[in-house]
Amino acid sequence: MILDLGEVVLILVLAAYAAYLFQALRVRELALQAARRSCEREGVQLLDQSVSIQRLSVSRDAGGKWRVWRQYRFEYTVDGQERERGNVIMLGNRLQALVMAEHTLH
């Protein structure tokens, strides 16, 4: 069976999309781990045990390479009653910042 050019391009596009999704899931897990660690360190409770993507763009890293920039949101509580919001900012697979209650923790 010989593939024509359209089928090869389709396979390459699908493979690239699958690779992107796999990487996005990995970065999301890293953001969740960072949120968990910060909540433990600050003595607060991470709510819902999850982070959700809020913003997505591209930006250059310190070495000048283009990377995917992602901002995730999570919620936590100090007293078990009030929900507070925090943000995790990732550039590629590296943590750039973690913000809780209007002050930067990392």
PDB file of N, CA and C in Angstrom:
ATOM      1  N   MET A   1       0.831  -1.175   0.000  1.00  0.00           N
ATOM      2  CA  MET A   1       0.000   0.000   0.000  1.00  0.00           C
ATOM      3  C   MET A   1       0.878   1.242   0.000  1.00  0.00           C
ATOM      4  N   ILE A   2       0.657   2.096  -0.940  1.00  0.00           N
ATOM      5  CA  ILE A   2       1.434   3.332  -1.081  1.00  0.00           C
ATOM      6  C   ILE A   2       0.548   4.503  -0.660  1.00  0.00           C
ATOM      7  N   LEU A   3       1.102   5.347   0.195  1.00  0.00           N
ATOM      8  CA  LEU A   3       0.366   6.523   0.663  1.00  0.00           C
ATOM      9  C   LEU A   3       0.616   7.691  -0.270  1.00  0.00           C
ATOM     10  N   ASP A   4      -0.422   8.467  -0.529  1.00  0.00           N
ATOM     11  CA  ASP A   4      -0.198   9.668  -1.324  1.00  0.00           C
ATOM     12  C   ASP A   4       0.228  10.809  -0.397  1.00  0.00           C
ATOM     13  N   LEU A   5       0.606  11.923  -0.950  1.00  0.00           N
ATOM     14  CA  LEU A   5       1.145  13.045  -0.184  1.00  0.00           C
ATOM     15  C   LEU A   5       0.129  13.568   0.839  1.00  0.00           C
ATOM     16  N   GLY A   6      -1.130  13.616   0.481  1.00  0.00           N
ATOM     17  CA  GLY A   6      -2.166  14.091   1.402  1.00  0.00           C
ATOM     18  C   GLY A   6      -2.270  13.221   2.640  1.00  0.00           C
ATOM     19  N   GLU A   7      -2.177  11.912   2.460  1.00  0.00           N
ATOM     20  CA  GLU A   7      -2.247  10.998   3.610  1.00  0.00           C
ATOM     21  C   GLU A   7      -1.029  11.137   4.506  1.00  0.00           C
ATOM     22  N   VAL A   8       0.147  11.313   3.906  1.00  0.00           N
ATOM     23  CA  VAL A   8       1.372  11.498   4.690  1.00  0.00           C
ATOM     24  C   VAL A   8       1.276  12.784   5.509  1.00  0.00           C
ATOM     25  N   VAL A   9       0.795  13.860   4.884  1.00  0.00           N
ATOM     26  CA  VAL A   9       0.649  15.129   5.598  1.00  0.00           C
ATOM     27  C   VAL A   9      -0.355  14.970   6.742  1.00  0.00           C
ATOM     28  N   LEU A  10      -1.456  14.308   6.499  1.00  0.00           N
ATOM     29  CA  LEU A  10      -2.462  14.080   7.538  1.00  0.00           C
ATOM     30  C   LEU A  10      -1.873  13.298   8.710  1.00  0.00           C
ATOM     31  N   ILE A  11      -1.116  12.269   8.423  1.00  0.00           N
ATOM     32  CA  ILE A  11      -0.482  11.473   9.476  1.00  0.00           C
ATOM     33  C   ILE A  11       0.492  12.323  10.276  1.00  0.00           C
ATOM     34  N   LEU A  12       1.273  13.162   9.599  1.00  0.00           N
ATOM     35  CA  LEU A  12       2.224  14.034  10.296  1.00  0.00           C
ATOM     36  C   LEU A  12       1.508  15.068  11.159  1.00  0.00           C
ATOM     37  N   VAL A  13       0.417  15.630  10.660  1.00  0.00           N
ATOM     38  CA  VAL A  13      -0.349  16.600  11.439  1.00  0.00           C
ATOM     39  C   VAL A  13      -0.955  15.933  12.675  1.00  0.00           C
ATOM     40  N   LEU A  14      -1.522  14.753  12.504  1.00  0.00           N
ATOM     41  CA  LEU A  14      -2.094  14.037  13.642  1.00  0.00           C
ATOM     42  C   LEU A  14      -1.026  13.663  14.665  1.00  0.00           C
ATOM     43  N   ALA A  15       0.142  13.257  14.198  1.00  0.00           N
ATOM     44  CA  ALA A  15       1.238  12.917  15.111  1.00  0.00           C
ATOM     45  C   ALA A  15       1.715  14.152  15.872  1.00  0.00           C
ATOM     46  N   ALA A  16       1.808  15.278  15.195  1.00  0.00           N
ATOM     47  CA  ALA A  16       2.224  16.515  15.866  1.00  0.00           C
ATOM     48  C   ALA A  16       1.196  16.941  16.903  1.00  0.00           C
ATOM     49  N   TYR A  17      -0.090  16.804  16.575  1.00  0.00           N
ATOM     50  CA  TYR A  17      -1.153  17.153  17.515  1.00  0.00           C
ATOM     51  C   TYR A  17      -1.116  16.232  18.736  1.00  0.00           C
ATOM     52  N   ALA A  18      -0.909  14.955  18.516  1.00  0.00           N
ATOM     53  CA  ALA A  18      -0.818  14.000  19.628  1.00  0.00           C
ATOM     54  C   ALA A  18       0.375  14.337  20.521  1.00  0.00           C
ATOM     55  N   ALA A  19       1.505  14.708  19.917  1.00  0.00           N
ATOM     56  CA  ALA A  19       2.688  15.075  20.699  1.00  0.00           C
ATOM     57  C   ALA A  19       2.411  16.331  21.522  1.00  0.00           C
ATOM     58  N   TYR A  20       1.716  17.306  20.924  1.00  0.00           N
ATOM     59  CA  TYR A  20       1.362  18.518  21.649  1.00  0.00           C
ATOM     60  C   TYR A  20       0.458  18.197  22.839  1.00  0.00           C
ATOM     61  N   LEU A  21      -0.556  17.368  22.622  1.00  0.00           N
ATOM     62  CA  LEU A  21      -1.462  17.003  23.715  1.00  0.00           C
ATOM     63  C   LEU A  21      -0.727  16.290  24.843  1.00  0.00           C
ATOM     64  N   PHE A  22       0.168  15.382  24.503  1.00  0.00           N
ATOM     65  CA  PHE A  22       0.943  14.667  25.512  1.00  0.00           C
ATOM     66  C   PHE A  22       1.784  15.655  26.325  1.00  0.00           C
ATOM     67  N   GLN A  23       2.437  16.592  25.654  1.00  0.00           N
ATOM     68  CA  GLN A  23       3.262  17.586  26.332  1.00  0.00           C
ATOM     69  C   GLN A  23       2.389  18.502  27.198  1.00  0.00           C
ATOM     70  N   ALA A  24       1.226  18.890  26.693  1.00  0.00           N
ATOM     71  CA  ALA A  24       0.326  19.763  27.456  1.00  0.00           C
ATOM     72  C   ALA A  24      -0.138  19.078  28.741  1.00  0.00           C
ATOM     73  N   LEU A  25      -0.424  17.785  28.669  1.00  0.00           N
ATOM     74  CA  LEU A  25      -0.821  17.047  29.874  1.00  0.00           C
ATOM     75  C   LEU A  25       0.327  16.978  30.872  1.00  0.00           C
ATOM     76  N   ARG A  26       1.537  16.802  30.372  1.00  0.00           N
ATOM     77  CA  ARG A  26       2.714  16.740  31.250  1.00  0.00           C
ATOM     78  C   ARG A  26       2.934  18.082  31.951  1.00  0.00           C
ATOM     79  N   VAL A  27       2.815  19.182  31.213  1.00  0.00           N
ATOM     80  CA  VAL A  27       3.010  20.508  31.800  1.00  0.00           C
ATOM     81  C   VAL A  27       1.906  20.798  32.817  1.00  0.00           C
ATOM     82  N   ARG A  28       0.680  20.393  32.520  1.00  0.00           N
ATOM     83  CA  ARG A  28      -0.428  20.572  33.466  1.00  0.00           C
ATOM     84  C   ARG A  28      -0.141  19.826  34.766  1.00  0.00           C
ATOM     85  N   GLU A  29       0.393  18.622  34.673  1.00  0.00           N
ATOM     86  CA  GLU A  29       0.736  17.849  35.865  1.00  0.00           C
ATOM     87  C   GLU A  29       1.840  18.543  36.664  1.00  0.00           C
ATOM     88  N   LEU A  30       2.827  19.119  35.984  1.00  0.00           N
ATOM     89  CA  LEU A  30       3.884  19.864  36.672  1.00  0.00           C
ATOM     90  C   LEU A  30       3.312  21.089  37.383  1.00  0.00           C
ATOM     91  N   ALA A  31       2.364  21.772  36.753  1.00  0.00           N
ATOM     92  CA  ALA A  31       1.720  22.935  37.375  1.00  0.00           C
ATOM     93  C   ALA A  31       0.933  22.512  38.615  1.00  0.00           C
ATOM     94  N   LEU A  32       0.242  21.386  38.527  1.00  0.00           N
ATOM     95  CA  LEU A  32      -0.508  20.874  39.673  1.00  0.00           C
ATOM     96  C   LEU A  32       0.435  20.515  40.821  1.00  0.00           C
ATOM     97  N   GLN A  33       1.552  19.897  40.516  1.00  0.00           N
ATOM     98  CA  GLN A  33       2.530  19.567  41.556  1.00  0.00           C
ATOM     99  C   GLN A  33       3.061  20.828  42.237  1.00  0.00           C
ATOM    100  N   ALA A  34       3.326  21.873  41.447  1.00  0.00           N
ATOM    101  CA  ALA A  34       3.803  23.138  42.012  1.00  0.00           C
ATOM    102  C   ALA A  34       2.747  23.751  42.928  1.00  0.00           C
ATOM    103  N   ALA A  35       1.481  23.711  42.515  1.00  0.00           N
ATOM    104  CA  ALA A  35       0.395  24.241  43.346  1.00  0.00           C
ATOM    105  C   ALA A  35       0.282  23.450  44.643  1.00  0.00           C
ATOM    106  N   ARG A  36       0.363  22.127  44.553  1.00  0.00           N
ATOM    107  CA  ARG A  36       0.299  21.285  45.765  1.00  0.00           C
ATOM    108  C   ARG A  36       1.421  21.613  46.739  1.00  0.00           C
ATOM    109  N   ARG A  37       2.648  21.685  46.209  1.00  0.00           N
ATOM    110  CA  ARG A  37       3.802  21.985  47.067  1.00  0.00           C
ATOM    111  C   ARG A  37       3.648  23.342  47.761  1.00  0.00           C
ATOM    112  N   SER A  38       3.217  24.339  47.019  1.00  0.00           N
ATOM    113  CA  SER A  38       3.061  25.677  47.596  1.00  0.00           C
ATOM    114  C   SER A  38       1.961  25.701  48.647  1.00  0.00           C
ATOM    115  N   CYS A  39       0.867  25.012  48.394  1.00  0.00           N
ATOM    116  CA  CYS A  39      -0.209  24.957  49.385  1.00  0.00           C
ATOM    117  C   CYS A  39       0.266  24.260  50.652  1.00  0.00           C
ATOM    118  N   GLU A  40       1.013  23.171  50.498  1.00  0.00           N
ATOM    119  CA  GLU A  40       1.553  22.476  51.674  1.00  0.00           C
ATOM    120  C   GLU A  40       2.509  23.382  52.438  1.00  0.00           C
ATOM    121  N   ARG A  41       3.385  24.063  51.716  1.00  0.00           N
ATOM    122  CA  ARG A  41       4.372  24.938  52.339  1.00  0.00           C
ATOM    123  C   ARG A  41       3.699  26.103  53.075  1.00  0.00           C
ATOM    124  N   GLU A  42       2.613  26.633  52.513  1.00  0.00           N
ATOM    125  CA  GLU A  42       1.911  27.763  53.118  1.00  0.00           C
ATOM    126  C   GLU A  42       0.886  27.339  54.164  1.00  0.00           C
ATOM    127  N   GLY A  43       0.640  26.025  54.287  1.00  0.00           N
ATOM    128  CA  GLY A  43      -0.304  25.537  55.278  1.00  0.00           C
ATOM    129  C   GLY A  43      -1.756  25.782  54.912  1.00  0.00           C
ATOM    130  N   VAL A  44      -2.036  25.796  53.611  1.00  0.00           N
ATOM    131  CA  VAL A  44      -3.416  25.970  53.143  1.00  0.00           C
ATOM    132  C   VAL A  44      -3.846  24.708  52.400  1.00  0.00           C
ATOM    133  N   GLN A  45      -5.152  24.604  52.147  1.00  0.00           N
ATOM    134  CA  GLN A  45      -5.692  23.409  51.494  1.00  0.00           C
ATOM    135  C   GLN A  45      -5.970  23.694  50.023  1.00  0.00           C
ATOM    136  N   LEU A  46      -5.387  22.890  49.145  1.00  0.00           N
ATOM    137  CA  LEU A  46      -5.674  22.956  47.710  1.00  0.00           C
ATOM    138  C   LEU A  46      -7.056  22.369  47.481  1.00  0.00           C
ATOM    139  N   LEU A  47      -7.930  23.122  46.852  1.00  0.00           N
ATOM    140  CA  LEU A  47      -9.291  22.661  46.599  1.00  0.00           C
ATOM    141  C   LEU A  47      -9.384  21.994  45.233  1.00  0.00           C
ATOM    142  N   ASP A  48     -10.213  21.002  45.127  1.00  0.00           N
ATOM    143  CA  ASP A  48     -10.514  20.292  43.885  1.00  0.00           C
ATOM    144  C   ASP A  48      -9.325  19.501  43.317  1.00  0.00           C
ATOM    145  N   GLN A  49      -8.171  19.598  43.925  1.00  0.00           N
ATOM    146  CA  GLN A  49      -6.971  18.865  43.486  1.00  0.00           C
ATOM    147  C   GLN A  49      -6.740  18.999  41.983  1.00  0.00           C
ATOM    148  N   SER A  50      -6.909  20.228  41.469  1.00  0.00           N
ATOM    149  CA  SER A  50      -6.731  20.430  40.036  1.00  0.00           C
ATOM    150  C   SER A  50      -6.300  21.852  39.726  1.00  0.00           C
ATOM    151  N   VAL A  51      -5.805  22.029  38.513  1.00  0.00           N
ATOM    152  CA  VAL A  51      -5.524  23.338  37.941  1.00  0.00           C
ATOM    153  C   VAL A  51      -6.256  23.399  36.610  1.00  0.00           C
ATOM    154  N   SER A  52      -6.614  24.601  36.200  1.00  0.00           N
ATOM    155  CA  SER A  52      -7.286  24.755  34.906  1.00  0.00           C
ATOM    156  C   SER A  52      -6.571  25.831  34.095  1.00  0.00           C
ATOM    157  N   ILE A  53      -6.474  25.598  32.813  1.00  0.00           N
ATOM    158  CA  ILE A  53      -5.779  26.533  31.928  1.00  0.00           C
ATOM    159  C   ILE A  53      -6.594  27.813  31.807  1.00  0.00           C
ATOM    160  N   GLN A  54      -5.927  28.951  31.929  1.00  0.00           N
ATOM    161  CA  GLN A  54      -6.583  30.245  31.810  1.00  0.00           C
ATOM    162  C   GLN A  54      -6.114  31.010  30.582  1.00  0.00           C
ATOM    163  N   ARG A  55      -4.821  30.977  30.316  1.00  0.00           N
ATOM    164  CA  ARG A  55      -4.258  31.690  29.172  1.00  0.00           C
ATOM    165  C   ARG A  55      -3.183  30.840  28.535  1.00  0.00           C
ATOM    166  N   LEU A  56      -3.028  31.037  27.246  1.00  0.00           N
ATOM    167  CA  LEU A  56      -2.062  30.264  26.465  1.00  0.00           C
ATOM    168  C   LEU A  56      -1.483  31.187  25.402  1.00  0.00           C
ATOM    169  N   SER A  57      -0.155  31.219  25.307  1.00  0.00           N
ATOM    170  CA  SER A  57       0.495  32.017  24.265  1.00  0.00           C
ATOM    171  C   SER A  57       1.886  31.447  24.030  1.00  0.00           C
ATOM    172  N   VAL A  58       2.671  32.136  23.243  1.00  0.00           N
ATOM    173  CA  VAL A  58       4.065  31.749  23.034  1.00  0.00           C
ATOM    174  C   VAL A  58       4.953  32.888  23.496  1.00  0.00           C
ATOM    175  N   SER A  59       6.118  32.537  23.991  1.00  0.00           N
ATOM    176  CA  SER A  59       7.063  33.521  24.499  1.00  0.00           C
ATOM    177  C   SER A  59       8.464  32.934  24.398  1.00  0.00           C
ATOM    178  N   ARG A  60       9.442  33.780  24.442  1.00  0.00           N
ATOM    179  CA  ARG A  60      10.831  33.314  24.409  1.00  0.00           C
ATOM    180  C   ARG A  60      11.331  33.030  25.824  1.00  0.00           C
ATOM    181  N   ASP A  61      12.132  31.976  25.950  1.00  0.00           N
ATOM    182  CA  ASP A  61      12.754  31.671  27.239  1.00  0.00           C
ATOM    183  C   ASP A  61      14.051  32.461  27.374  1.00  0.00           C
ATOM    184  N   ALA A  62      14.788  32.224  28.453  1.00  0.00           N
ATOM    185  CA  ALA A  62      16.035  32.953  28.709  1.00  0.00           C
ATOM    186  C   ALA A  62      17.067  32.727  27.610  1.00  0.00           C
ATOM    187  N   GLY A  63      17.015  31.569  26.952  1.00  0.00           N
ATOM    188  CA  GLY A  63      17.949  31.269  25.870  1.00  0.00           C
ATOM    189  C   GLY A  63      17.495  31.758  24.502  1.00  0.00           C
ATOM    190  N   GLY A  64      16.342  32.422  24.456  1.00  0.00           N
ATOM    191  CA  GLY A  64      15.842  32.950  23.203  1.00  0.00           C
ATOM    192  C   GLY A  64      14.998  31.985  22.388  1.00  0.00           C
ATOM    193  N   LYS A  65      14.737  30.783  22.916  1.00  0.00           N
ATOM    194  CA  LYS A  65      13.919  29.804  22.201  1.00  0.00           C
ATOM    195  C   LYS A  65      12.438  30.071  22.453  1.00  0.00           C
ATOM    196  N   TRP A  66      11.632  29.863  21.420  1.00  0.00           N
ATOM    197  CA  TRP A  66      10.192  30.007  21.564  1.00  0.00           C
ATOM    198  C   TRP A  66       9.637  28.840  22.358  1.00  0.00           C
ATOM    199  N   ARG A  67       8.812  29.138  23.340  1.00  0.00           N
ATOM    200  CA  ARG A  67       8.175  28.133  24.191  1.00  0.00           C
ATOM    201  C   ARG A  67       6.691  28.478  24.336  1.00  0.00           C
ATOM    202  N   VAL A  68       5.911  27.468  24.714  1.00  0.00           N
ATOM    203  CA  VAL A  68       4.496  27.705  25.007  1.00  0.00           C
ATOM    204  C   VAL A  68       4.397  28.239  26.434  1.00  0.00           C
ATOM    205  N   TRP A  69       3.733  29.375  26.579  1.00  0.00           N
ATOM    206  CA  TRP A  69       3.510  30.022  27.870  1.00  0.00           C
ATOM    207  C   TRP A  69       2.089  29.693  28.300  1.00  0.00           C
ATOM    208  N   ARG A  70       1.945  29.164  29.512  1.00  0.00           N
ATOM    209  CA  ARG A  70       0.623  28.772  30.008  1.00  0.00           C
ATOM    210  C   ARG A  70       0.395  29.350  31.400  1.00  0.00           C
ATOM    211  N   GLN A  71      -0.816  29.852  31.614  1.00  0.00           N
ATOM    212  CA  GLN A  71      -1.208  30.293  32.948  1.00  0.00           C
ATOM    213  C   GLN A  71      -2.348  29.400  33.405  1.00  0.00           C
ATOM    214  N   TYR A  72      -2.145  28.757  34.549  1.00  0.00           N
ATOM    215  CA  TYR A  72      -3.157  27.878  35.142  1.00  0.00           C
ATOM    216  C   TYR A  72      -3.722  28.551  36.385  1.00  0.00           C
ATOM    217  N   ARG A  73      -4.975  28.285  36.673  1.00  0.00           N
ATOM    218  CA  ARG A  73      -5.616  28.785  37.887  1.00  0.00           C
ATOM    219  C   ARG A  73      -5.934  27.603  38.794  1.00  0.00           C
ATOM    220  N   PHE A  74      -5.821  27.837  40.092  1.00  0.00           N
ATOM    221  CA  PHE A  74      -6.239  26.844  41.077  1.00  0.00           C
ATOM    222  C   PHE A  74      -6.893  27.579  42.228  1.00  0.00           C
ATOM    223  N   GLU A  75      -7.610  26.837  43.037  1.00  0.00           N
ATOM    224  CA  GLU A  75      -8.273  27.431  44.198  1.00  0.00           C
ATOM    225  C   GLU A  75      -7.790  26.742  45.469  1.00  0.00           C
ATOM    226  N   TYR A  76      -7.726  27.519  46.516  1.00  0.00           N
ATOM    227  CA  TYR A  76      -7.290  27.001  47.804  1.00  0.00           C
ATOM    228  C   TYR A  76      -8.077  27.707  48.899  1.00  0.00           C
ATOM    229  N   THR A  77      -7.996  27.184  50.097  1.00  0.00           N
ATOM    230  CA  THR A  77      -8.651  27.821  51.234  1.00  0.00           C
ATOM    231  C   THR A  77      -7.692  27.892  52.410  1.00  0.00           C
ATOM    232  N   VAL A  78      -7.780  28.981  53.113  1.00  0.00           N
ATOM    233  CA  VAL A  78      -6.971  29.176  54.315  1.00  0.00           C
ATOM    234  C   VAL A  78      -7.726  28.671  55.529  1.00  0.00           C
ATOM    235  N   ASP A  79      -9.043  28.946  55.556  1.00  0.00           N
ATOM    236  CA  ASP A  79      -9.853  28.651  56.732  1.00  0.00           C
ATOM    237  C   ASP A  79     -10.908  27.572  56.522  1.00  0.00           C
ATOM    238  N   GLY A  80     -10.965  26.971  55.348  1.00  0.00           N
ATOM    239  CA  GLY A  80     -11.970  25.957  55.074  1.00  0.00           C
ATOM    240  C   GLY A  80     -13.305  26.522  54.635  1.00  0.00           C
ATOM    241  N   GLN A  81     -13.427  27.830  54.587  1.00  0.00           N
ATOM    242  CA  GLN A  81     -14.686  28.485  54.235  1.00  0.00           C
ATOM    243  C   GLN A  81     -14.576  29.267  52.927  1.00  0.00           C
ATOM    244  N   GLU A  82     -13.623  30.177  52.874  1.00  0.00           N
ATOM    245  CA  GLU A  82     -13.463  31.068  51.728  1.00  0.00           C
ATOM    246  C   GLU A  82     -12.541  30.453  50.679  1.00  0.00           C
ATOM    247  N   ARG A  83     -12.955  30.557  49.413  1.00  0.00           N
ATOM    248  CA  ARG A  83     -12.108  30.110  48.301  1.00  0.00           C
ATOM    249  C   ARG A  83     -11.228  31.267  47.852  1.00  0.00           C
ATOM    250  N   GLU A  84      -9.956  30.989  47.732  1.00  0.00           N
ATOM    251  CA  GLU A  84      -8.994  31.955  47.197  1.00  0.00           C
ATOM    252  C   GLU A  84      -8.461  31.410  45.880  1.00  0.00           C
ATOM    253  N   ARG A  85      -8.028  32.303  45.010  1.00  0.00           N
ATOM    254  CA  ARG A  85      -7.485  31.878  43.716  1.00  0.00           C
ATOM    255  C   ARG A  85      -5.980  32.081  43.676  1.00  0.00           C
ATOM    256  N   GLY A  86      -5.328  31.128  43.037  1.00  0.00           N
ATOM    257  CA  GLY A  86      -3.904  31.227  42.793  1.00  0.00           C
ATOM    258  C   GLY A  86      -3.635  30.961  41.321  1.00  0.00           C
ATOM    259  N   ASN A  87      -2.452  31.333  40.875  1.00  0.00           N
ATOM    260  CA  ASN A  87      -2.050  31.120  39.491  1.00  0.00           C
ATOM    261  C   ASN A  87      -0.673  30.488  39.427  1.00  0.00           C
ATOM    262  N   VAL A  88      -0.515  29.589  38.477  1.00  0.00           N
ATOM    263  CA  VAL A  88       0.777  28.985  38.175  1.00  0.00           C
ATOM    264  C   VAL A  88       1.110  29.377  36.742  1.00  0.00           C
ATOM    265  N   ILE A  89       2.284  29.928  36.535  1.00  0.00           N
ATOM    266  CA  ILE A  89       2.712  30.319  35.196  1.00  0.00           C
ATOM    267  C   ILE A  89       3.873  29.426  34.793  1.00  0.00           C
ATOM    268  N   MET A  90       3.695  28.776  33.643  1.00  0.00           N
ATOM    269  CA  MET A  90       4.702  27.852  33.112  1.00  0.00           C
ATOM    270  C   MET A  90       5.184  28.370  31.757  1.00  0.00           C
ATOM    271  N   LEU A  91       6.474  28.279  31.512  1.00  0.00           N
ATOM    272  CA  LEU A  91       7.048  28.566  30.198  1.00  0.00           C
ATOM    273  C   LEU A  91       7.725  27.286  29.744  1.00  0.00           C
ATOM    274  N   GLY A  92       7.152  26.661  28.721  1.00  0.00           N
ATOM    275  CA  GLY A  92       7.584  25.320  28.363  1.00  0.00           C
ATOM    276  C   GLY A  92       7.205  24.403  29.506  1.00  0.00           C
ATOM    277  N   ASN A  93       8.171  23.653  30.008  1.00  0.00           N
ATOM    278  CA  ASN A  93       7.881  22.788  31.156  1.00  0.00           C
ATOM    279  C   ASN A  93       8.534  23.313  32.441  1.00  0.00           C
ATOM    280  N   ARG A  94       8.848  24.608  32.453  1.00  0.00           N
ATOM    281  CA  ARG A  94       9.484  25.212  33.622  1.00  0.00           C
ATOM    282  C   ARG A  94       8.544  26.185  34.329  1.00  0.00           C
ATOM    283  N   LEU A  95       8.544  26.101  35.644  1.00  0.00           N
ATOM    284  CA  LEU A  95       7.764  27.004  36.471  1.00  0.00           C
ATOM    285  C   LEU A  95       8.366  28.401  36.388  1.00  0.00           C
ATOM    286  N   GLN A  96       7.548  29.395  36.053  1.00  0.00           N
ATOM    287  CA  GLN A  96       7.994  30.785  36.001  1.00  0.00           C
ATOM    288  C   GLN A  96       7.565  31.550  37.246  1.00  0.00           C
ATOM    289  N   ALA A  97       6.342  31.304  37.698  1.00  0.00           N
ATOM    290  CA  ALA A  97       5.836  32.009  38.876  1.00  0.00           C
ATOM    291  C   ALA A  97       4.648  31.251  39.443  1.00  0.00           C
ATOM    292  N   LEU A  98       4.446  31.441  40.735  1.00  0.00           N
ATOM    293  CA  LEU A  98       3.271  30.920  41.410  1.00  0.00           C
ATOM    294  C   LEU A  98       2.770  32.037  42.305  1.00  0.00           C
ATOM    295  N   VAL A  99       1.525  32.460  42.093  1.00  0.00           N
ATOM    296  CA  VAL A  99       0.974  33.607  42.811  1.00  0.00           C
ATOM    297  C   VAL A  99      -0.223  33.143  43.636  1.00  0.00           C
ATOM    298  N   MET A 100      -0.202  33.510  44.930  1.00  0.00           N
ATOM    299  CA  MET A 100      -1.315  33.221  45.831  1.00  0.00           C
ATOM    300  C   MET A 100      -1.602  34.495  46.612  1.00  0.00           C
ATOM    301  N   ALA A 101      -2.864  34.850  46.721  1.00  0.00           N
ATOM    302  CA  ALA A 101      -3.315  35.979  47.532  1.00  0.00           C
ATOM    303  C   ALA A 101      -2.516  37.264  47.248  1.00  0.00           C
ATOM    304  N   GLU A 102      -2.352  37.542  45.975  1.00  0.00           N
ATOM    305  CA  GLU A 102      -1.740  38.778  45.510  1.00  0.00           C
ATOM    306  C   GLU A 102      -0.268  38.953  45.899  1.00  0.00           C
ATOM    307  N   HIS A 103       0.412  37.879  46.270  1.00  0.00           N
ATOM    308  CA  HIS A 103       1.856  37.975  46.455  1.00  0.00           C
ATOM    309  C   HIS A 103       2.513  36.762  45.818  1.00  0.00           C
ATOM    310  N   THR A 104       3.649  36.984  45.217  1.00  0.00           N
ATOM    311  CA  THR A 104       4.339  35.929  44.492  1.00  0.00           C
ATOM    312  C   THR A 104       5.111  35.067  45.479  1.00  0.00           C
ATOM    313  N   LEU A 105       4.959  33.738  45.343  1.00  0.00           N
ATOM    314  CA  LEU A 105       5.634  32.811  46.242  1.00  0.00           C
ATOM    315  C   LEU A 105       6.866  32.195  45.618  1.00  0.00           C
ATOM    316  N   HIS A 106       7.012  32.262  44.296  1.00  0.00           N
ATOM    317  CA  HIS A 106       8.191  31.676  43.649  1.00  0.00           C
ATOM    318  C   HIS A 106       8.795  32.677  42.698  1.00  0.00           C
TER     319      HIS A 106
END
